[in-house]
N, C-alpha and C. Protein backbone atom coordinates (compact mmCIF):
# COMPACT_ATOMS: atom_id res chain seq x y z
N MET A 1 0.85 -1.18 0.00
CA MET A 1 0.00 0.00 0.00
C MET A 1 0.89 1.24 0.00
N GLN A 2 0.54 2.18 -0.82
CA GLN A 2 1.23 3.46 -0.88
C GLN A 2 0.35 4.50 -0.20
N THR A 3 0.95 5.34 0.66
CA THR A 3 0.22 6.37 1.38
C THR A 3 0.71 7.74 0.94
N ILE A 4 -0.22 8.61 0.61
CA ILE A 4 0.11 9.97 0.22
C ILE A 4 -0.44 10.91 1.28
N LEU A 5 0.45 11.64 1.93
CA LEU A 5 0.05 12.60 2.96
C LEU A 5 -0.18 13.96 2.31
N GLY A 6 -1.18 14.69 2.79
CA GLY A 6 -1.52 15.98 2.19
C GLY A 6 -2.11 15.76 0.81
N ALA A 7 -3.05 14.85 0.72
CA ALA A 7 -3.51 14.33 -0.56
C ALA A 7 -4.41 15.26 -1.36
N ASN A 8 -4.71 16.46 -0.90
CA ASN A 8 -5.55 17.36 -1.68
C ASN A 8 -4.75 18.30 -2.58
N GLY A 9 -3.45 18.28 -2.47
CA GLY A 9 -2.61 19.15 -3.29
C GLY A 9 -2.45 18.65 -4.72
N GLN A 10 -2.09 19.53 -5.61
CA GLN A 10 -1.96 19.19 -7.03
C GLN A 10 -0.90 18.12 -7.27
N ILE A 11 0.22 18.19 -6.57
CA ILE A 11 1.28 17.19 -6.74
C ILE A 11 0.78 15.83 -6.28
N ALA A 12 0.07 15.78 -5.16
CA ALA A 12 -0.45 14.52 -4.64
C ALA A 12 -1.48 13.90 -5.60
N ILE A 13 -2.28 14.73 -6.20
CA ILE A 13 -3.28 14.23 -7.16
C ILE A 13 -2.59 13.59 -8.36
N GLU A 14 -1.59 14.26 -8.90
CA GLU A 14 -0.85 13.70 -10.04
C GLU A 14 -0.10 12.44 -9.65
N LEU A 15 0.46 12.43 -8.44
CA LEU A 15 1.18 11.25 -7.94
C LEU A 15 0.23 10.06 -7.83
N ALA A 16 -0.97 10.28 -7.30
CA ALA A 16 -1.96 9.21 -7.18
C ALA A 16 -2.32 8.63 -8.55
N LYS A 17 -2.47 9.49 -9.53
CA LYS A 17 -2.79 9.03 -10.89
C LYS A 17 -1.66 8.18 -11.45
N GLU A 18 -0.42 8.64 -11.29
CA GLU A 18 0.73 7.91 -11.81
C GLU A 18 0.96 6.60 -11.08
N LEU A 19 0.77 6.59 -9.76
CA LEU A 19 0.92 5.34 -9.01
C LEU A 19 -0.07 4.29 -9.50
N LYS A 20 -1.31 4.70 -9.71
CA LYS A 20 -2.34 3.77 -10.19
C LYS A 20 -2.00 3.26 -11.58
N LYS A 21 -1.52 4.15 -12.42
CA LYS A 21 -1.23 3.80 -13.82
C LYS A 21 -0.01 2.88 -13.94
N ASN A 22 1.03 3.13 -13.12
CA ASN A 22 2.30 2.44 -13.33
C ASN A 22 2.76 1.52 -12.21
N TYR A 23 2.09 1.54 -11.05
CA TYR A 23 2.66 0.81 -9.94
C TYR A 23 1.65 -0.04 -9.18
N THR A 24 0.65 0.56 -8.59
CA THR A 24 -0.30 -0.17 -7.75
C THR A 24 -1.65 0.53 -7.72
N SER A 25 -2.68 -0.25 -7.44
CA SER A 25 -4.00 0.35 -7.26
C SER A 25 -4.35 0.44 -5.78
N ASN A 26 -3.42 0.07 -4.92
CA ASN A 26 -3.62 0.08 -3.48
C ASN A 26 -3.03 1.36 -2.90
N ILE A 27 -3.80 2.45 -2.94
CA ILE A 27 -3.33 3.78 -2.55
C ILE A 27 -4.21 4.34 -1.44
N ARG A 28 -3.58 4.87 -0.39
CA ARG A 28 -4.29 5.51 0.72
C ARG A 28 -4.02 7.01 0.64
N LEU A 29 -5.08 7.81 0.61
CA LEU A 29 -4.96 9.26 0.57
C LEU A 29 -5.30 9.82 1.95
N VAL A 30 -4.39 10.61 2.50
CA VAL A 30 -4.56 11.15 3.85
C VAL A 30 -4.54 12.67 3.80
N SER A 31 -5.61 13.28 4.33
CA SER A 31 -5.68 14.74 4.47
C SER A 31 -6.87 15.07 5.36
N ARG A 32 -7.08 16.35 5.64
CA ARG A 32 -8.22 16.72 6.47
C ARG A 32 -9.55 16.35 5.82
N ASN A 33 -9.66 16.59 4.54
CA ASN A 33 -10.88 16.26 3.78
C ASN A 33 -10.49 15.54 2.50
N PRO A 34 -10.11 14.29 2.59
CA PRO A 34 -9.62 13.58 1.40
C PRO A 34 -10.74 13.32 0.39
N LYS A 35 -10.34 13.32 -0.88
CA LYS A 35 -11.25 13.02 -1.98
C LYS A 35 -10.57 12.01 -2.88
N LYS A 36 -11.34 11.07 -3.38
CA LYS A 36 -10.77 10.04 -4.24
C LYS A 36 -10.27 10.64 -5.55
N VAL A 37 -9.10 10.17 -5.96
CA VAL A 37 -8.56 10.51 -7.27
C VAL A 37 -8.85 9.35 -8.21
N ASN A 38 -8.61 8.13 -7.72
CA ASN A 38 -8.88 6.90 -8.47
C ASN A 38 -10.04 6.17 -7.78
N ASP A 39 -10.73 5.35 -8.52
CA ASP A 39 -11.88 4.65 -7.94
C ASP A 39 -11.50 3.65 -6.85
N THR A 40 -10.25 3.18 -6.81
CA THR A 40 -9.82 2.19 -5.82
C THR A 40 -9.12 2.80 -4.61
N ASP A 41 -9.01 4.12 -4.53
CA ASP A 41 -8.32 4.78 -3.42
C ASP A 41 -9.03 4.54 -2.10
N THR A 42 -8.22 4.42 -1.03
CA THR A 42 -8.74 4.37 0.32
C THR A 42 -8.52 5.74 0.93
N LEU A 43 -9.54 6.29 1.61
CA LEU A 43 -9.45 7.61 2.19
C LEU A 43 -9.26 7.53 3.70
N PHE A 44 -8.42 8.40 4.24
CA PHE A 44 -8.18 8.47 5.67
C PHE A 44 -8.15 9.93 6.06
N SER A 45 -9.07 10.34 6.92
CA SER A 45 -9.14 11.72 7.36
C SER A 45 -8.24 11.95 8.57
N ALA A 46 -7.35 12.93 8.48
CA ALA A 46 -6.44 13.25 9.57
C ALA A 46 -5.91 14.67 9.40
N ASN A 47 -5.70 15.35 10.52
CA ASN A 47 -5.04 16.65 10.51
C ASN A 47 -3.58 16.38 10.83
N LEU A 48 -2.70 16.61 9.88
CA LEU A 48 -1.30 16.28 10.04
C LEU A 48 -0.58 17.20 11.04
N LEU A 49 -1.25 18.27 11.49
CA LEU A 49 -0.67 19.15 12.49
C LEU A 49 -0.93 18.65 13.91
N ASP A 50 -1.88 17.70 14.06
CA ASP A 50 -2.17 17.12 15.38
C ASP A 50 -1.22 15.95 15.64
N LYS A 51 -0.66 15.91 16.84
CA LYS A 51 0.24 14.80 17.19
C LYS A 51 -0.53 13.54 17.47
């Protein structure tokens, strides 16, 4: 599983697309309000500023 932190940013969105296309469909997106980029993405809501 690949995890992308701060998944709402433009770089993270492009990274999620490329990971799905070339590497794996097992992707976890982590952010305060995550949104799926690929249909197989797993979403995890978290504030990365909280310990």
